[in-house]
């Protein structure tokens, strides 16, 4: 471990002890070292004993910086691992951190642009509009058109901090995986790998710009979601320029109500937008916390969501989408047998899992929940109980679903905040049933045929030649197979002949031995010579 890593490790340990996070550690051989550290570093006291433990955890992660804030946000989705008082606090983690110097931000922008800001912009505001753990946002206007825009710039010197913290996380994950066998199911190293990829991607604003452009294309002309336009010509790895939007932050319920917003429709559209992104586009905004979601104030009766900060997006392959949709419909229809079987088929639990026992365990947990009206059921609570149940059957963490789980919890939380009576199930079920109908049956066949039509139109003129070549190759193959089969039959005949001659030879040799014991020497000699001859003939037959 390098001196800089040791220094950072000491700082992390110091912050954790100052917030009394050693109280979180269970009784385990691996946790004895941190507990002894509390006694060894006697000068570091718990400075916040009066604050609840969950809140102390959130404050400590915020103090440790962007890597730990983002990690806490991601872990907030794993409600199967944390009790509610911790998970709820982790879900409150926001990227609102102290801004860095505006002049330094301007210098960084000019380095990215290759010249003074005045060449492209007017009315640049040195005071940031918003500041987050990875980047900071300033406002300005385009010099040529006067259009209002925002400039997002990466914090200077943030990459070394992130890289150092990630290295420490890997060390901890490997220790946990090596010394706590029951934690291997959680794949801690794979979780850190997925987290590292997500975090490093956020450092390249070209990726965010590309994500925003794709999401904007997917919802072009939509009344449900608007994504601000990126000005690609002025954007680069460390700077992204996009149009400025004016909206009401989705968490500002009072302002939304004063504006006369149709809260029920807004909440339902949040659910619709999520499922459309996941199942129609296989491309979804995966960081929909309140700081990234606004509402267009212009038409409150027909409210439109506005999505910002597309640095983190998620994708699902066709198989994952199919299994996810079937699992959700299984829950909607209380078909727990299907849910259990799908978990096995998809590899989410081991193939040798007893499906009947798994089904019974799911039913035992879910039936009391579904006894309530659907509008009162929290999807997050259902997931929590399902994960706790599946964990007993060695369910492994699915890294590709972590972002999806987090986003779904965000959407449900926002929707219930906007409209407490939101029935997520009633909103989602018709969407899923329609989507599934398109995946199987005549509709799916017609869709696949339509999608493949350009390919077949291109290949159709070549079809006669392809058929002729196939027939000719088939004829040649048949001839070769006939020759091979004829050779095989000849070989079998030779083997049968050799076996017969061998048996005759053996019989004659036995007879010669009997004749010899009876002093019939002449006949014995003839029999022996004939037997040897038959053996030689059998060997020759086998050789052929």
Protein backbone atom coordinates (compact mmCIF):
# COMPACT_ATOMS: atom_id res chain seq x y z
CA UNK A 1 0.00 0.00 0.00
CA UNK A 2 1.44 3.38 -1.06
CA UNK A 3 1.91 6.30 1.41
CA UNK A 4 -0.95 8.20 -0.27
CA UNK A 5 -3.24 5.17 0.12
CA UNK A 6 -2.27 4.86 3.78
CA UNK A 7 -3.00 8.54 4.31
CA UNK A 8 -6.40 8.21 2.65
CA UNK A 9 -7.15 5.05 4.65
CA UNK A 10 -6.38 6.91 7.86
CA UNK A 11 -8.72 9.75 6.83
CA UNK A 12 -11.52 7.29 6.00
CA UNK A 13 -11.02 5.50 9.32
CA UNK A 14 -10.95 8.81 11.20
CA UNK A 15 -14.23 9.99 9.65
CA UNK A 16 -15.90 6.64 10.34
CA UNK A 17 -14.83 6.68 13.97
CA UNK A 18 -15.83 10.32 14.43
CA UNK A 19 -19.34 9.36 13.34
CA UNK A 20 -19.31 6.17 15.44
CA UNK A 21 -19.77 3.86 12.46
CA UNK A 22 -17.90 1.08 14.26
CA UNK A 23 -21.29 0.42 15.90
CA UNK A 24 -22.44 -1.00 12.54
CA UNK A 25 -19.89 -3.82 12.57
CA UNK A 26 -21.23 -7.30 13.41
CA UNK A 27 -19.41 -9.77 15.65
CA UNK A 28 -17.10 -11.51 13.21
CA UNK A 29 -13.40 -12.40 13.16
CA UNK A 30 -12.83 -9.95 10.29
CA UNK A 31 -14.35 -7.05 12.24
CA UNK A 32 -12.12 -7.42 15.29
CA UNK A 33 -9.38 -5.27 13.71
CA UNK A 34 -11.62 -2.21 13.18
CA UNK A 35 -13.00 -2.64 16.69
CA UNK A 36 -9.47 -2.72 18.07
CA UNK A 37 -8.72 0.43 16.07
CA UNK A 38 -11.30 2.26 18.18
CA UNK A 39 -9.23 1.42 21.26
CA UNK A 40 -5.90 2.05 19.52
CA UNK A 41 -6.93 5.45 18.08
CA UNK A 42 -8.18 6.58 21.47
CA UNK A 43 -7.87 10.27 20.57
CA UNK A 44 -10.58 9.95 17.87
CA UNK A 45 -13.93 10.21 19.65
CA UNK A 46 -17.49 9.80 18.42
CA UNK A 47 -18.43 13.46 17.93
CA UNK A 48 -22.09 12.85 17.14
CA UNK A 49 -23.48 10.34 19.66
CA UNK A 50 -26.81 12.19 19.83
CA UNK A 51 -27.53 11.69 16.07
CA UNK A 52 -29.28 8.44 14.97
CA UNK A 53 -26.92 5.87 13.48
CA UNK A 54 -28.50 5.92 10.00
CA UNK A 55 -28.12 9.69 9.74
CA UNK A 56 -24.51 9.44 10.96
CA UNK A 57 -23.81 6.95 8.15
CA UNK A 58 -25.22 9.36 5.55
CA UNK A 59 -23.26 12.35 6.94
CA UNK A 60 -20.01 10.35 7.03
CA UNK A 61 -20.39 9.28 3.39
CA UNK A 62 -21.08 12.88 2.37
CA UNK A 63 -17.94 14.02 4.17
CA UNK A 64 -15.82 11.32 2.51
CA UNK A 65 -16.63 12.70 -0.93
CA UNK A 66 -17.95 11.72 -4.36
CA UNK A 67 -16.86 8.07 -4.46
CA UNK A 68 -18.54 7.27 -1.17
CA UNK A 69 -21.64 9.36 -1.91
CA UNK A 70 -22.15 7.50 -5.18
CA UNK A 71 -21.45 4.16 -3.50
CA UNK A 72 -24.00 4.93 -0.79
CA UNK A 73 -26.56 5.86 -3.44
CA UNK A 74 -25.98 2.55 -5.20
CA UNK A 75 -26.10 0.53 -1.99
CA UNK A 76 -29.36 2.23 -1.02
CA UNK A 77 -31.01 -0.03 -3.60
CA UNK A 78 -29.87 -3.17 -1.75
CA UNK A 79 -32.61 -3.06 0.86
CA UNK A 80 -32.15 -6.78 1.33
CA UNK A 81 -28.82 -6.00 3.01
CA UNK A 82 -29.74 -3.09 5.27
CA UNK A 83 -32.43 -2.44 7.86
CA UNK A 84 -34.90 0.34 6.98
CA UNK A 85 -33.33 2.99 9.23
CA UNK A 86 -30.06 2.68 7.25
CA UNK A 87 -31.51 2.13 3.77
CA UNK A 88 -33.81 5.15 4.11
CA UNK A 89 -30.89 7.40 5.03
CA UNK A 90 -28.74 6.08 2.18
CA UNK A 91 -31.58 6.87 -0.22
CA UNK A 92 -31.40 10.52 0.93
CA UNK A 93 -27.80 10.91 -0.25
CA UNK A 94 -27.59 13.76 -2.74
CA UNK A 95 -24.73 15.14 -4.78
CA UNK A 96 -25.16 18.63 -3.34
CA UNK A 97 -21.66 19.51 -2.19
CA UNK A 98 -19.79 22.76 -1.70
CA UNK A 99 -18.92 24.45 -5.02
CA UNK A 100 -15.35 25.01 -6.08
CA UNK A 101 -14.04 28.42 -7.15
CA UNK A 102 -15.93 29.86 -10.14
CA UNK A 103 -12.75 31.31 -11.68
CA UNK A 104 -11.15 27.87 -11.58
CA UNK A 105 -14.25 26.47 -13.31
CA UNK A 106 -13.93 29.17 -15.99
CA UNK A 107 -10.25 28.31 -16.49
CA UNK A 108 -11.14 24.64 -16.94
CA UNK A 109 -13.81 25.55 -19.51
CA UNK A 110 -11.39 27.71 -21.50
CA UNK A 111 -8.85 24.88 -21.57
CA UNK A 112 -11.54 22.56 -22.98
CA UNK A 113 -12.72 25.12 -25.55
CA UNK A 114 -9.24 26.27 -26.52
CA UNK A 115 -9.88 29.97 -26.01
CA UNK A 116 -11.59 32.65 -23.89
CA UNK A 117 -15.26 32.06 -23.06
CA UNK A 118 -16.09 35.43 -24.60
CA UNK A 119 -15.43 33.95 -28.04
CA UNK A 120 -18.60 31.82 -27.71
CA UNK A 121 -20.65 33.09 -24.77
CA UNK A 122 -21.99 36.21 -23.10
CA UNK A 123 -23.40 36.80 -19.61
CA UNK A 124 -21.32 34.02 -18.06
CA UNK A 125 -22.20 33.74 -14.36
CA UNK A 126 -19.14 33.08 -12.23
CA UNK A 127 -21.42 31.87 -9.41
CA UNK A 128 -22.43 28.25 -10.07
CA UNK A 129 -26.08 27.37 -10.62
CA UNK A 130 -25.52 23.93 -9.06
CA UNK A 131 -22.64 21.92 -7.68
CA UNK A 132 -22.34 18.13 -7.40
CA UNK A 133 -19.68 15.64 -6.41
CA UNK A 134 -18.30 15.15 -9.94
CA UNK A 135 -19.12 18.39 -11.76
CA UNK A 136 -20.37 21.96 -11.46
CA UNK A 137 -22.86 23.93 -13.58
CA UNK A 138 -22.71 27.62 -14.66
CA UNK A 139 -25.08 29.64 -16.84
CA UNK A 140 -24.40 31.81 -19.90
CA UNK A 141 -25.83 32.76 -23.30
CA UNK A 142 -24.66 31.82 -26.78
CA UNK A 143 -22.95 34.81 -28.35
CA UNK A 144 -24.48 34.35 -31.81
CA UNK A 145 -28.11 33.61 -30.94
CA UNK A 146 -28.50 34.83 -27.36
CA UNK A 147 -29.91 31.41 -26.43
CA UNK A 148 -29.66 30.57 -22.73
CA UNK A 149 -27.40 27.62 -22.00
CA UNK A 150 -25.67 25.85 -19.12
CA UNK A 151 -22.04 24.75 -18.99
CA UNK A 152 -21.20 21.65 -16.98
CA UNK A 153 -17.53 21.22 -16.08
CA UNK A 154 -15.73 18.35 -14.34
CA UNK A 155 -14.17 19.17 -10.98
CA UNK A 156 -10.40 19.59 -11.32
CA UNK A 157 -8.18 16.89 -9.80
CA UNK A 158 -11.15 14.63 -9.03
CA UNK A 159 -9.83 11.59 -10.92
CA UNK A 160 -6.86 10.82 -8.57
CA UNK A 161 -9.20 10.93 -5.56
CA UNK A 162 -11.63 8.56 -7.25
CA UNK A 163 -8.89 6.14 -8.34
CA UNK A 164 -7.35 6.02 -4.85
CA UNK A 165 -10.71 5.34 -3.19
CA UNK A 166 -11.63 2.68 -5.74
CA UNK A 167 -8.35 0.85 -5.03
CA UNK A 168 -9.18 0.83 -1.33
CA UNK A 169 -12.69 -0.46 -2.08
CA UNK A 170 -11.22 -3.34 -4.09
CA UNK A 171 -8.94 -4.26 -1.18
CA UNK A 172 -11.90 -4.30 1.21
CA UNK A 173 -14.10 -6.27 -1.21
CA UNK A 174 -11.40 -8.95 -1.66
CA UNK A 175 -10.94 -9.22 2.12
CA UNK A 176 -14.67 -9.65 2.61
CA UNK A 177 -14.89 -12.23 -0.20
CA UNK A 178 -11.91 -14.15 1.16
CA UNK A 179 -12.82 -14.24 4.85
CA UNK A 180 -16.65 -14.19 4.91
CA UNK A 181 -17.92 -17.13 2.80
CA UNK A 182 -21.58 -16.11 3.09
CA UNK A 183 -20.70 -12.74 1.48
CA UNK A 184 -19.41 -14.36 -1.72
CA UNK A 185 -23.00 -14.70 -2.95
CA UNK A 186 -23.12 -10.89 -3.04
CA UNK A 187 -20.14 -10.81 -5.45
CA UNK A 188 -18.50 -7.80 -3.73
CA UNK A 189 -15.65 -7.55 -6.25
CA UNK A 190 -18.11 -7.61 -9.19
CA UNK A 191 -20.22 -4.95 -7.48
CA UNK A 192 -17.14 -2.71 -7.14
CA UNK A 193 -16.22 -3.39 -10.80
CA UNK A 194 -19.70 -2.34 -11.93
CA UNK A 195 -19.56 0.69 -9.65
CA UNK A 196 -16.11 1.69 -10.93
CA UNK A 197 -17.31 1.52 -14.52
CA UNK A 198 -20.33 3.69 -13.72
CA UNK A 199 -18.23 6.26 -11.85
CA UNK A 200 -15.44 6.45 -14.44
CA UNK A 201 -18.06 6.87 -17.18
CA UNK A 202 -19.33 9.97 -15.36
CA UNK A 203 -15.89 11.57 -15.68
CA UNK A 204 -16.25 11.69 -19.46
CA UNK A 205 -18.95 14.23 -20.33
CA UNK A 206 -18.92 13.05 -23.94
CA UNK A 207 -20.61 9.90 -22.69
CA UNK A 208 -23.24 11.92 -20.82
CA UNK A 209 -23.79 14.04 -23.93
CA UNK A 210 -24.26 10.90 -26.03
CA UNK A 211 -26.68 9.43 -23.46
CA UNK A 212 -28.71 12.65 -23.37
CA UNK A 213 -28.93 12.79 -27.16
CA UNK A 214 -30.11 9.15 -27.32
CA UNK A 215 -32.72 9.67 -24.61
CA UNK A 216 -33.89 12.86 -26.32
CA UNK A 217 -34.29 10.97 -29.63
CA UNK A 218 -36.24 8.22 -27.91
CA UNK A 219 -38.78 10.74 -26.57
CA UNK A 220 -38.78 13.21 -29.45
CA UNK A 221 -42.20 14.90 -29.51
CA UNK A 222 -43.36 13.11 -26.34
CA UNK A 223 -45.74 14.81 -23.91
CA UNK A 224 -44.38 12.70 -21.07
CA UNK A 225 -40.63 13.43 -20.98
CA UNK A 226 -38.37 16.20 -22.24
CA UNK A 227 -34.58 15.99 -22.36
CA UNK A 228 -32.63 19.25 -22.94
CA UNK A 229 -30.72 19.57 -26.21
CA UNK A 230 -26.95 19.13 -26.07
CA UNK A 231 -24.84 21.55 -28.11
CA UNK A 232 -22.35 18.99 -29.30
CA UNK A 233 -20.00 21.33 -31.18
CA UNK A 234 -19.01 23.03 -27.92
CA UNK A 235 -18.90 19.92 -25.74
CA UNK A 236 -15.86 17.78 -24.93
CA UNK A 237 -14.55 15.28 -22.39
CA UNK A 238 -14.52 17.76 -19.50
CA UNK A 239 -17.20 20.23 -20.64
CA UNK A 240 -20.80 19.79 -21.75
CA UNK A 241 -22.93 22.63 -23.10
CA UNK A 242 -26.71 22.23 -23.28
CA UNK A 243 -29.87 24.34 -23.36
CA UNK A 244 -31.06 25.85 -20.11
CA UNK A 245 -34.47 24.73 -18.89
CA UNK A 246 -36.80 26.31 -16.36
CA UNK A 247 -38.81 23.86 -14.35
CA UNK A 248 -40.12 23.03 -10.91
CA UNK A 249 -38.04 20.52 -8.99
CA UNK A 250 -40.14 17.39 -8.61
CA UNK A 251 -39.61 17.33 -4.84
CA UNK A 252 -41.08 20.86 -4.47
CA UNK A 253 -44.63 19.65 -3.87
CA UNK A 254 -45.86 23.02 -2.64
CA UNK A 255 -44.74 24.82 -5.81
CA UNK A 256 -46.23 22.10 -8.03
CA UNK A 257 -49.58 22.44 -6.24
CA UNK A 258 -49.49 26.25 -6.46
CA UNK A 259 -48.93 25.86 -10.20
CA UNK A 260 -52.09 23.70 -10.44
CA UNK A 261 -50.24 20.55 -11.55
CA UNK A 262 -52.28 17.42 -12.18
CA UNK A 263 -50.41 15.37 -9.58
CA UNK A 264 -52.13 12.05 -10.37
CA UNK A 265 -51.27 12.25 -14.07
CA UNK A 266 -47.72 13.40 -13.27
CA UNK A 267 -47.15 10.42 -10.96
CA UNK A 268 -48.61 7.95 -13.47
CA UNK A 269 -46.47 9.39 -16.25
CA UNK A 270 -43.38 8.83 -14.14
CA UNK A 271 -44.22 5.11 -14.05
CA UNK A 272 -45.07 5.09 -17.76
CA UNK A 273 -41.81 6.84 -18.69
CA UNK A 274 -39.80 4.33 -16.67
CA UNK A 275 -41.39 1.24 -18.22
CA UNK A 276 -41.20 2.76 -21.71
CA UNK A 277 -37.47 3.35 -21.30
CA UNK A 278 -36.86 -0.15 -19.99
CA UNK A 279 -39.07 -2.29 -22.23
CA UNK A 280 -39.47 -0.26 -25.41
CA UNK A 281 -36.01 1.29 -25.65
CA UNK A 282 -33.79 -0.94 -23.43
CA UNK A 283 -32.17 2.34 -22.43
CA UNK A 284 -33.17 4.08 -19.20
CA UNK A 285 -32.11 7.06 -17.11
CA UNK A 286 -30.68 5.38 -14.01
CA UNK A 287 -30.13 8.36 -11.72
CA UNK A 288 -33.64 9.77 -11.30
CA UNK A 289 -33.25 11.22 -7.81
CA UNK A 290 -35.14 14.50 -7.14
CA UNK A 291 -32.13 16.67 -7.99
CA UNK A 292 -32.18 15.39 -11.58
CA UNK A 293 -35.92 15.53 -12.26
CA UNK A 294 -37.98 18.67 -12.94
CA UNK A 295 -41.51 19.36 -14.15
CA UNK A 296 -42.37 21.67 -17.05
CA UNK A 297 -44.54 24.45 -15.53
CA UNK A 298 -46.08 25.60 -18.84
CA UNK A 299 -48.99 23.14 -19.03
CA UNK A 300 -49.93 21.96 -15.51
CA UNK A 301 -52.99 20.02 -16.72
CA UNK A 302 -50.77 18.00 -19.04
CA UNK A 303 -47.56 17.82 -16.97
CA UNK A 304 -44.28 16.85 -18.57
CA UNK A 305 -41.22 15.44 -16.82
CA UNK A 306 -37.80 16.94 -17.56
CA UNK A 307 -34.79 14.64 -17.18
CA UNK A 308 -31.33 16.05 -16.46
CA UNK A 309 -27.90 14.55 -15.79
CA UNK A 310 -27.80 11.48 -18.03
CA UNK A 311 -24.36 10.40 -16.83
CA UNK A 312 -25.72 7.09 -15.56
CA UNK A 313 -27.94 5.04 -17.85
CA UNK A 314 -28.87 1.39 -17.77
CA UNK A 315 -29.50 -1.20 -20.44
CA UNK A 316 -31.04 -4.68 -20.37
CA UNK A 317 -30.67 -7.43 -22.93
CA UNK A 318 -33.67 -9.18 -24.47
CA UNK A 319 -33.52 -12.17 -22.10
CA UNK A 320 -33.38 -10.00 -18.96
CA UNK A 321 -36.31 -7.91 -20.17
CA UNK A 322 -38.37 -11.00 -20.88
CA UNK A 323 -37.66 -12.58 -17.50
CA UNK A 324 -38.25 -9.27 -15.70
CA UNK A 325 -41.62 -8.71 -17.39
CA UNK A 326 -42.74 -12.27 -16.72
CA UNK A 327 -41.67 -11.99 -13.07
CA UNK A 328 -43.62 -8.76 -12.61
CA UNK A 329 -46.70 -10.23 -14.26
CA UNK A 330 -46.31 -13.30 -12.07
CA UNK A 331 -46.50 -11.04 -9.02
CA UNK A 332 -49.46 -9.11 -10.44
CA UNK A 333 -51.31 -12.41 -10.97
CA UNK A 334 -50.09 -14.06 -7.72
CA UNK A 335 -48.51 -16.83 -9.84
CA UNK A 336 -45.69 -17.63 -7.42
CA UNK A 337 -44.88 -20.94 -9.09
CA UNK A 338 -44.02 -19.07 -12.25
CA UNK A 339 -41.91 -16.54 -10.32
CA UNK A 340 -39.97 -19.37 -8.65
CA UNK A 341 -39.43 -21.22 -11.94
CA UNK A 342 -38.31 -18.04 -13.71
CA UNK A 343 -35.69 -17.42 -11.05
CA UNK A 344 -34.28 -20.88 -11.74
CA UNK A 345 -34.55 -20.60 -15.54
CA UNK A 346 -32.82 -17.24 -15.59
CA UNK A 347 -29.96 -18.44 -13.38
CA UNK A 348 -30.79 -16.00 -10.59
CA UNK A 349 -30.85 -18.95 -8.17
CA UNK A 350 -28.92 -22.25 -8.60
CA UNK A 351 -30.29 -24.78 -11.08
CA UNK A 352 -30.69 -27.46 -8.37
CA UNK A 353 -33.05 -25.26 -6.31
CA UNK A 354 -36.19 -27.07 -5.17
CA UNK A 355 -38.84 -25.09 -7.06
CA UNK A 356 -41.68 -26.27 -4.80
CA UNK A 357 -39.90 -25.09 -1.65
CA UNK A 358 -38.94 -21.81 -3.29
CA UNK A 359 -42.52 -21.23 -4.45
CA UNK A 360 -43.85 -21.92 -0.95
CA UNK A 361 -41.33 -19.48 0.58
CA UNK A 362 -42.31 -16.72 -1.89
CA UNK A 363 -46.01 -17.37 -1.30
CA UNK A 364 -45.59 -17.27 2.47
CA UNK A 365 -43.91 -13.86 2.28
CA UNK A 366 -46.01 -12.25 -0.46
CA UNK A 367 -49.55 -13.38 0.37
CA UNK A 368 -49.84 -11.15 3.48
CA UNK A 369 -48.59 -8.19 1.44
CA UNK A 370 -51.03 -8.76 -1.42
CA UNK A 371 -53.90 -9.10 1.03
CA UNK A 372 -53.85 -5.27 1.14
CA UNK A 373 -55.29 -3.07 -1.63
CA UNK A 374 -52.80 -2.82 -4.48
CA UNK A 375 -52.63 0.96 -4.12
CA UNK A 376 -51.23 0.54 -0.61
CA UNK A 377 -48.50 -1.91 -1.59
CA UNK A 378 -44.95 -0.64 -1.93
CA UNK A 379 -43.10 -2.27 -4.79
CA UNK A 380 -39.87 -1.60 -2.88
CA UNK A 381 -41.28 -3.56 0.06
CA UNK A 382 -42.17 -6.46 -2.22
CA UNK A 383 -38.64 -6.47 -3.66
CA UNK A 384 -37.19 -6.35 -0.16
CA UNK A 385 -39.15 -9.41 0.91
CA UNK A 386 -38.41 -11.25 -2.32
CA UNK A 387 -34.66 -10.64 -2.00
CA UNK A 388 -34.65 -11.73 1.63
CA UNK A 389 -36.48 -14.92 0.61
CA UNK A 390 -34.29 -15.61 -2.42
CA UNK A 391 -31.16 -15.05 -0.35
CA UNK A 392 -32.04 -18.18 1.65
CA UNK A 393 -31.97 -20.06 -1.68
CA UNK A 394 -28.51 -18.66 -2.60
CA UNK A 395 -29.74 -16.01 -5.01
CA UNK A 396 -26.74 -14.23 -6.52
CA UNK A 397 -26.54 -10.49 -7.09
CA UNK A 398 -27.33 -9.56 -10.70
CA UNK A 399 -25.12 -6.53 -11.43
CA UNK A 400 -27.09 -5.71 -14.58
CA UNK A 401 -30.24 -5.29 -12.47
CA UNK A 402 -28.78 -3.08 -9.72
CA UNK A 403 -29.39 0.15 -11.65
CA UNK A 404 -32.86 -1.01 -12.60
CA UNK A 405 -33.78 -1.74 -8.99
CA UNK A 406 -32.50 1.65 -7.88
CA UNK A 407 -34.38 3.50 -10.62
CA UNK A 408 -37.62 1.67 -9.92
CA UNK A 409 -37.38 2.58 -6.24
CA UNK A 410 -36.71 6.21 -7.18
CA UNK A 411 -39.72 6.26 -9.50
CA UNK A 412 -42.02 4.70 -6.93
CA UNK A 413 -40.77 7.06 -4.22
CA UNK A 414 -41.27 10.12 -6.42
CA UNK A 415 -44.67 8.92 -7.59
CA UNK A 416 -45.96 8.30 -4.07
CA UNK A 417 -44.55 11.66 -2.96
CA UNK A 418 -46.49 13.40 -5.73
CA UNK A 419 -49.66 11.34 -5.39
CA UNK A 420 -49.83 9.11 -2.28
CA UNK A 421 -52.70 7.05 -3.77
CA UNK A 422 -50.58 6.05 -6.78
CA UNK A 423 -51.30 2.45 -7.74
CA UNK A 424 -48.02 1.47 -9.36
CA UNK A 425 -49.37 -1.98 -10.16
CA UNK A 426 -52.48 -0.75 -11.97
CA UNK A 427 -50.34 1.65 -14.01
CA UNK A 428 -47.67 -0.90 -14.87
CA UNK A 429 -49.72 -4.06 -15.48
CA UNK A 430 -51.44 -2.98 -18.76
CA UNK A 431 -48.10 -1.77 -20.08
CA UNK A 432 -46.40 -5.09 -19.31
CA UNK A 433 -49.26 -7.17 -20.72
CA UNK A 434 -49.18 -5.18 -23.96
CA UNK A 435 -45.42 -5.55 -24.18
CA UNK A 436 -45.56 -9.30 -23.56
CA UNK A 437 -48.27 -9.71 -26.20
CA UNK A 438 -45.87 -8.14 -28.70
CA UNK A 439 -43.15 -10.62 -27.78
CA UNK A 440 -45.14 -13.81 -28.44
CA UNK A 441 -47.84 -14.91 -30.86
CA UNK A 442 -48.91 -13.47 -34.24
CA UNK A 443 -48.09 -9.88 -33.28
CA UNK A 444 -44.50 -10.84 -32.47
CA UNK A 445 -44.23 -12.75 -35.77
CA UNK A 446 -45.48 -9.76 -37.77
CA UNK A 447 -43.15 -7.39 -35.89
CA UNK A 448 -40.14 -9.64 -36.52
CA UNK A 449 -41.12 -9.98 -40.19
CA UNK A 450 -41.42 -6.19 -40.51
CA UNK A 451 -38.04 -5.64 -38.86
CA UNK A 452 -36.39 -8.21 -41.14
CA UNK A 453 -38.11 -6.97 -44.32
CA UNK A 454 -35.17 -4.78 -45.49
CA UNK A 455 -32.80 -7.72 -45.02
CA UNK A 456 -35.01 -10.08 -47.03
CA UNK A 457 -35.57 -7.44 -49.71
CA UNK A 458 -31.80 -7.22 -50.11
CA UNK A 459 -31.33 -11.00 -50.20
CA UNK A 460 -34.34 -11.87 -52.41
CA UNK A 461 -32.55 -11.33 -55.79
CA UNK A 462 -29.80 -13.69 -54.61
CA UNK A 463 -32.29 -16.39 -53.57
CA UNK A 464 -32.23 -18.49 -56.84
CA UNK A 465 -28.43 -18.66 -56.80
CA UNK A 466 -28.44 -19.52 -53.10
CA UNK A 467 -31.00 -22.32 -53.66
CA UNK A 468 -29.02 -23.70 -56.63
CA UNK A 469 -25.74 -23.62 -54.65
CA UNK A 470 -27.44 -25.31 -51.70
CA UNK A 471 -28.86 -28.08 -53.91
CA UNK A 472 -25.50 -28.63 -55.61
CA UNK A 473 -23.67 -28.74 -52.32
CA UNK A 474 -26.33 -31.09 -50.96
CA UNK A 475 -25.83 -33.45 -53.92
CA UNK A 476 -22.06 -33.47 -53.43
CA UNK A 477 -22.54 -34.08 -49.72
CA UNK A 478 -24.92 -36.98 -50.42
CA UNK A 479 -22.37 -38.56 -52.74
CA UNK A 480 -19.67 -38.25 -50.11
CA UNK A 481 -22.00 -39.71 -47.48
CA UNK A 482 -22.83 -42.63 -49.81
CA UNK A 483 -19.13 -43.37 -50.25
CA UNK A 484 -18.54 -43.15 -46.52
CA UNK A 485 -21.51 -45.42 -45.82
CA UNK A 486 -20.36 -47.95 -48.45
CA UNK A 487 -16.92 -48.00 -46.86
CA UNK A 488 -18.51 -48.42 -43.44
CA UNK A 489 -20.61 -51.38 -44.64
CA UNK A 490 -17.55 -52.99 -46.28
CA UNK A 491 -15.61 -52.54 -43.07
CA UNK A 492 -18.42 -54.16 -41.02
CA UNK A 493 -18.51 -57.12 -43.46
CA UNK A 494 -14.74 -57.59 -43.19
CA UNK A 495 -14.94 -57.45 -39.40
CA UNK A 496 -17.71 -60.09 -39.38
CA UNK A 497 -15.67 -62.30 -41.74
CA UNK A 498 -12.56 -61.90 -39.60
CA UNK A 499 -14.50 -62.75 -36.45
CA UNK A 500 -15.91 -65.91 -38.11
CA UNK A 501 -12.47 -67.07 -39.32
CA UNK A 502 -10.96 -66.38 -35.89
CA UNK A 503 -13.62 -68.50 -34.17
CA UNK A 504 -13.17 -71.38 -36.65
CA UNK A 505 -9.40 -71.24 -36.15
CA UNK A 506 -9.83 -71.29 -32.38
CA UNK A 507 -12.18 -74.28 -32.61
CA UNK A 508 -9.70 -76.23 -34.77
CA UNK A 509 -6.85 -75.52 -32.38
CA UNK A 510 -8.91 -76.79 -29.46
CA UNK A 511 -9.76 -79.93 -31.48
CA UNK A 512 -6.08 -80.49 -32.25
CA UNK A 513 -5.29 -80.35 -28.53
CA UNK A 514 -8.01 -82.98 -27.81
CA UNK A 515 -6.74 -85.25 -30.64
CA UNK A 516 -3.19 -84.92 -29.39
CA UNK A 517 -4.18 -86.12 -25.90
CA UNK A 518 -5.86 -89.10 -27.58
CA UNK A 519 -2.59 -89.95 -29.42
CA UNK A 520 -4.17 -89.22 -32.81
CA UNK A 521 -1.14 -87.24 -33.87
CA UNK A 522 -1.76 -87.00 -37.61
CA UNK A 523 -5.25 -85.57 -37.26
CA UNK A 524 -4.09 -83.28 -34.47
CA UNK A 525 -1.37 -81.86 -36.74
CA UNK A 526 -3.79 -81.29 -39.59
CA UNK A 527 -6.32 -79.64 -37.27
CA UNK A 528 -3.66 -77.36 -35.75
CA UNK A 529 -2.28 -76.31 -39.13
CA UNK A 530 -5.78 -75.57 -40.44
CA UNK A 531 -6.61 -73.54 -37.28
CA UNK A 532 -3.48 -71.41 -37.68
CA UNK A 533 -4.38 -70.84 -41.32
CA UNK A 534 -7.85 -69.61 -40.35
CA UNK A 535 -6.29 -67.26 -37.74
CA UNK A 536 -3.99 -65.77 -40.39
CA UNK A 537 -6.96 -65.29 -42.70
CA UNK A 538 -8.95 -63.58 -39.88
CA UNK A 539 -6.02 -61.20 -39.19
CA UNK A 540 -5.89 -60.35 -42.90
CA UNK A 541 -9.66 -59.68 -42.92
CA UNK A 542 -9.34 -57.31 -39.95
CA UNK A 543 -6.44 -55.48 -41.69
CA UNK A 544 -8.59 -54.87 -44.75
